[in-house]
Amino acid sequence: MIKSKFNSEHYVWGNNCDGYHLLKSDKLSVIFESMPPKTFEKPHFHTHSQQVFYILSGVASFKLAEQEYELNVGDSIHVPVKLIHSIENRSALTLEFLVISEPKSHVDRVEAKDS
């Protein structure tokens, strides 16, 4: 079956951000996410999941442990298991990206204590 944000399970996260499950299985998750301008995600980590974020449009300000990165269209970043991370859209344009998690990450998210 062909999947898109128009026919996938939708959820809202953070401060008015959208997620669409393109693949939702126990071993692998692929999510299309969209962040409006000036939105952010709280620092957190995953107890079992590693993730890859791939930027489709916009510019992402990404924090991985204590290091900050700016990701542009076509850039990706790997987040190992148990590493604190967060993403922010500081621009005036919508940020769109894929989050690929192995195994699924929707059940092992832990907020960072200092957030």
C-alpha atoms as a PDB file:
ATOM      1  CA  MET A   1       0.000   0.000   0.000  1.00  0.00           C
ATOM      2  CA  ILE A   2       1.220   3.477  -0.852  1.00  0.00           C
ATOM      3  CA  LYS A   3       1.450   5.647   2.275  1.00  0.00           C
ATOM      4  CA  SER A   4       1.540   9.428   2.626  1.00  0.00           C
ATOM      5  CA  LYS A   5       0.588  11.993   5.206  1.00  0.00           C
ATOM      6  CA  PHE A   6      -2.860  12.025   3.605  1.00  0.00           C
ATOM      7  CA  ASN A   7      -3.704   8.378   4.350  1.00  0.00           C
ATOM      8  CA  SER A   8      -1.566   7.588   7.435  1.00  0.00           C
ATOM      9  CA  GLU A   9      -2.297   7.563  11.159  1.00  0.00           C
ATOM     10  CA  HIS A  10      -1.835  11.151  12.398  1.00  0.00           C
ATOM     11  CA  TYR A  11      -0.890  12.512  15.807  1.00  0.00           C
ATOM     12  CA  VAL A  12      -0.058  15.925  17.242  1.00  0.00           C
ATOM     13  CA  TRP A  13       3.040  16.386  19.371  1.00  0.00           C
ATOM     14  CA  GLY A  14       4.954  19.209  21.049  1.00  0.00           C
ATOM     15  CA  ASN A  15       3.505  22.655  20.446  1.00  0.00           C
ATOM     16  CA  ASN A  16       1.275  22.062  17.403  1.00  0.00           C
ATOM     17  CA  CYS A  17       3.593  19.758  15.429  1.00  0.00           C
ATOM     18  CA  ASP A  18       2.285  16.887  13.294  1.00  0.00           C
ATOM     19  CA  GLY A  19       3.398  13.297  12.828  1.00  0.00           C
ATOM     20  CA  TYR A  20       2.206  10.730  10.282  1.00  0.00           C
ATOM     21  CA  HIS A  21       3.065   7.026  10.645  1.00  0.00           C
ATOM     22  CA  LEU A  22       4.263   5.843   7.232  1.00  0.00           C
ATOM     23  CA  LEU A  23       5.375   2.536   8.784  1.00  0.00           C
ATOM     24  CA  LYS A  24       4.483   1.468  12.297  1.00  0.00           C
ATOM     25  CA  SER A  25       5.784  -1.960  13.260  1.00  0.00           C
ATOM     26  CA  ASP A  26       7.528  -3.331  16.337  1.00  0.00           C
ATOM     27  CA  LYS A  27      10.912  -3.516  14.622  1.00  0.00           C
ATOM     28  CA  LEU A  28      10.863  -0.384  12.466  1.00  0.00           C
ATOM     29  CA  SER A  29       9.078   2.960  12.435  1.00  0.00           C
ATOM     30  CA  VAL A  30       9.069   5.623   9.703  1.00  0.00           C
ATOM     31  CA  ILE A  31       7.329   8.880  10.536  1.00  0.00           C
ATOM     32  CA  PHE A  32       6.834  12.025   8.440  1.00  0.00           C
ATOM     33  CA  GLU A  33       6.902  14.984  10.839  1.00  0.00           C
ATOM     34  CA  SER A  34       6.128  18.648  10.341  1.00  0.00           C
ATOM     35  CA  MET A  35       7.085  21.519  12.654  1.00  0.00           C
ATOM     36  CA  PRO A  36       5.582  24.994  12.186  1.00  0.00           C
ATOM     37  CA  PRO A  37       7.890  28.015  12.552  1.00  0.00           C
ATOM     38  CA  LYS A  38       9.308  28.699  16.032  1.00  0.00           C
ATOM     39  CA  THR A  39       8.403  25.269  17.488  1.00  0.00           C
ATOM     40  CA  PHE A  40      10.575  22.855  19.451  1.00  0.00           C
ATOM     41  CA  GLU A  41      10.716  19.459  21.078  1.00  0.00           C
ATOM     42  CA  LYS A  42      11.764  18.882  24.692  1.00  0.00           C
ATOM     43  CA  PRO A  43      15.090  17.096  25.261  1.00  0.00           C
ATOM     44  CA  HIS A  44      14.577  13.346  25.657  1.00  0.00           C
ATOM     45  CA  PHE A  45      16.115   9.965  24.931  1.00  0.00           C
ATOM     46  CA  HIS A  46      14.971   6.486  23.962  1.00  0.00           C
ATOM     47  CA  THR A  47      15.822   3.448  26.075  1.00  0.00           C
ATOM     48  CA  HIS A  48      15.887   0.927  23.205  1.00  0.00           C
ATOM     49  CA  SER A  49      15.592   2.806  19.905  1.00  0.00           C
ATOM     50  CA  GLN A  50      18.168   4.334  17.620  1.00  0.00           C
ATOM     51  CA  GLN A  51      16.911   6.963  15.201  1.00  0.00           C
ATOM     52  CA  VAL A  52      17.815   8.735  11.976  1.00  0.00           C
ATOM     53  CA  PHE A  53      16.351  12.146  11.179  1.00  0.00           C
ATOM     54  CA  TYR A  54      16.335  13.142   7.475  1.00  0.00           C
ATOM     55  CA  ILE A  55      15.452  16.744   6.540  1.00  0.00           C
ATOM     56  CA  LEU A  56      12.983  17.150   3.644  1.00  0.00           C
ATOM     57  CA  SER A  57      12.348  20.916   3.828  1.00  0.00           C
ATOM     58  CA  GLY A  58      13.375  23.794   6.042  1.00  0.00           C
ATOM     59  CA  VAL A  59      16.264  24.044   8.490  1.00  0.00           C
ATOM     60  CA  ALA A  60      16.476  22.030  11.712  1.00  0.00           C
ATOM     61  CA  SER A  61      18.380  23.109  14.806  1.00  0.00           C
ATOM     62  CA  PHE A  62      19.308  19.806  16.384  1.00  0.00           C
ATOM     63  CA  LYS A  63      20.868  19.167  19.784  1.00  0.00           C
ATOM     64  CA  LEU A  64      22.589  15.828  20.314  1.00  0.00           C
ATOM     65  CA  ALA A  65      23.949  15.464  23.856  1.00  0.00           C
ATOM     66  CA  GLU A  66      25.686  18.843  24.364  1.00  0.00           C
ATOM     67  CA  GLN A  67      26.528  19.415  20.672  1.00  0.00           C
ATOM     68  CA  GLU A  68      24.357  21.620  18.421  1.00  0.00           C
ATOM     69  CA  TYR A  69      23.942  21.074  14.676  1.00  0.00           C
ATOM     70  CA  GLU A  70      22.140  22.878  11.864  1.00  0.00           C
ATOM     71  CA  LEU A  71      20.630  20.442   9.365  1.00  0.00           C
ATOM     72  CA  ASN A  72      19.529  21.542   5.905  1.00  0.00           C
ATOM     73  CA  VAL A  73      17.537  19.810   3.152  1.00  0.00           C
ATOM     74  CA  GLY A  74      19.133  16.449   2.381  1.00  0.00           C
ATOM     75  CA  ASP A  75      21.032  16.248   5.680  1.00  0.00           C
ATOM     76  CA  SER A  76      20.556  13.447   8.185  1.00  0.00           C
ATOM     77  CA  ILE A  77      21.701  12.751  11.721  1.00  0.00           C
ATOM     78  CA  HIS A  78      21.921   9.471  13.638  1.00  0.00           C
ATOM     79  CA  VAL A  79      20.803   9.364  17.280  1.00  0.00           C
ATOM     80  CA  PRO A  80      22.189   6.341  19.158  1.00  0.00           C
ATOM     81  CA  VAL A  81      20.211   4.630  21.915  1.00  0.00           C
ATOM     82  CA  LYS A  82      20.014   6.553  25.234  1.00  0.00           C
ATOM     83  CA  LEU A  83      21.521   9.786  23.854  1.00  0.00           C
ATOM     84  CA  ILE A  84      19.632  12.952  24.856  1.00  0.00           C
ATOM     85  CA  HIS A  85      18.423  14.889  21.814  1.00  0.00           C
ATOM     86  CA  SER A  86      15.949  17.527  20.644  1.00  0.00           C
ATOM     87  CA  ILE A  87      14.957  19.343  17.464  1.00  0.00           C
ATOM     88  CA  GLU A  88      13.837  22.950  16.968  1.00  0.00           C
ATOM     89  CA  ASN A  89      12.533  25.017  14.076  1.00  0.00           C
ATOM     90  CA  ARG A  90      13.917  28.510  14.613  1.00  0.00           C
ATOM     91  CA  SER A  91      13.022  29.702  11.115  1.00  0.00           C
ATOM     92  CA  ALA A  92       9.926  31.370   9.658  1.00  0.00           C
ATOM     93  CA  LEU A  93       9.277  28.353   7.377  1.00  0.00           C
ATOM     94  CA  THR A  94       7.768  24.942   8.108  1.00  0.00           C
ATOM     95  CA  LEU A  95      10.291  22.183   8.830  1.00  0.00           C
ATOM     96  CA  GLU A  96       9.529  18.707   7.417  1.00  0.00           C
ATOM     97  CA  PHE A  97      11.560  15.564   8.050  1.00  0.00           C
ATOM     98  CA  LEU A  98      11.495  11.792   8.332  1.00  0.00           C
ATOM     99  CA  VAL A  99      12.213  10.012  11.614  1.00  0.00           C
ATOM    100  CA  ILE A 100      13.304   6.412  11.156  1.00  0.00           C
ATOM    101  CA  SER A 101      13.466   4.395  14.385  1.00  0.00           C
ATOM    102  CA  GLU A 102      14.737   0.873  15.025  1.00  0.00           C
ATOM    103  CA  PRO A 103      13.003  -0.629  16.902  1.00  0.00           C
ATOM    104  CA  LYS A 104       9.885   1.554  17.209  1.00  0.00           C
ATOM    105  CA  SER A 105      10.366   4.547  19.496  1.00  0.00           C
ATOM    106  CA  HIS A 106       6.790   5.396  20.450  1.00  0.00           C
ATOM    107  CA  VAL A 107       6.980   3.341  23.658  1.00  0.00           C
ATOM    108  CA  ASP A 108      10.471   4.083  25.038  1.00  0.00           C
ATOM    109  CA  ARG A 109      10.672   7.888  25.174  1.00  0.00           C
ATOM    110  CA  VAL A 110      12.020   9.365  28.435  1.00  0.00           C
ATOM    111  CA  GLU A 111      12.049  13.115  29.117  1.00  0.00           C
ATOM    112  CA  ALA A 112      15.502  14.393  30.077  1.00  0.00           C
ATOM    113  CA  LYS A 113      15.639  15.382  33.745  1.00  0.00           C
ATOM    114  CA  ASP A 114      16.909  18.894  33.042  1.00  0.00           C
ATOM    115  CA  SER A 115      14.110  19.716  30.567  1.00  0.00           C
END
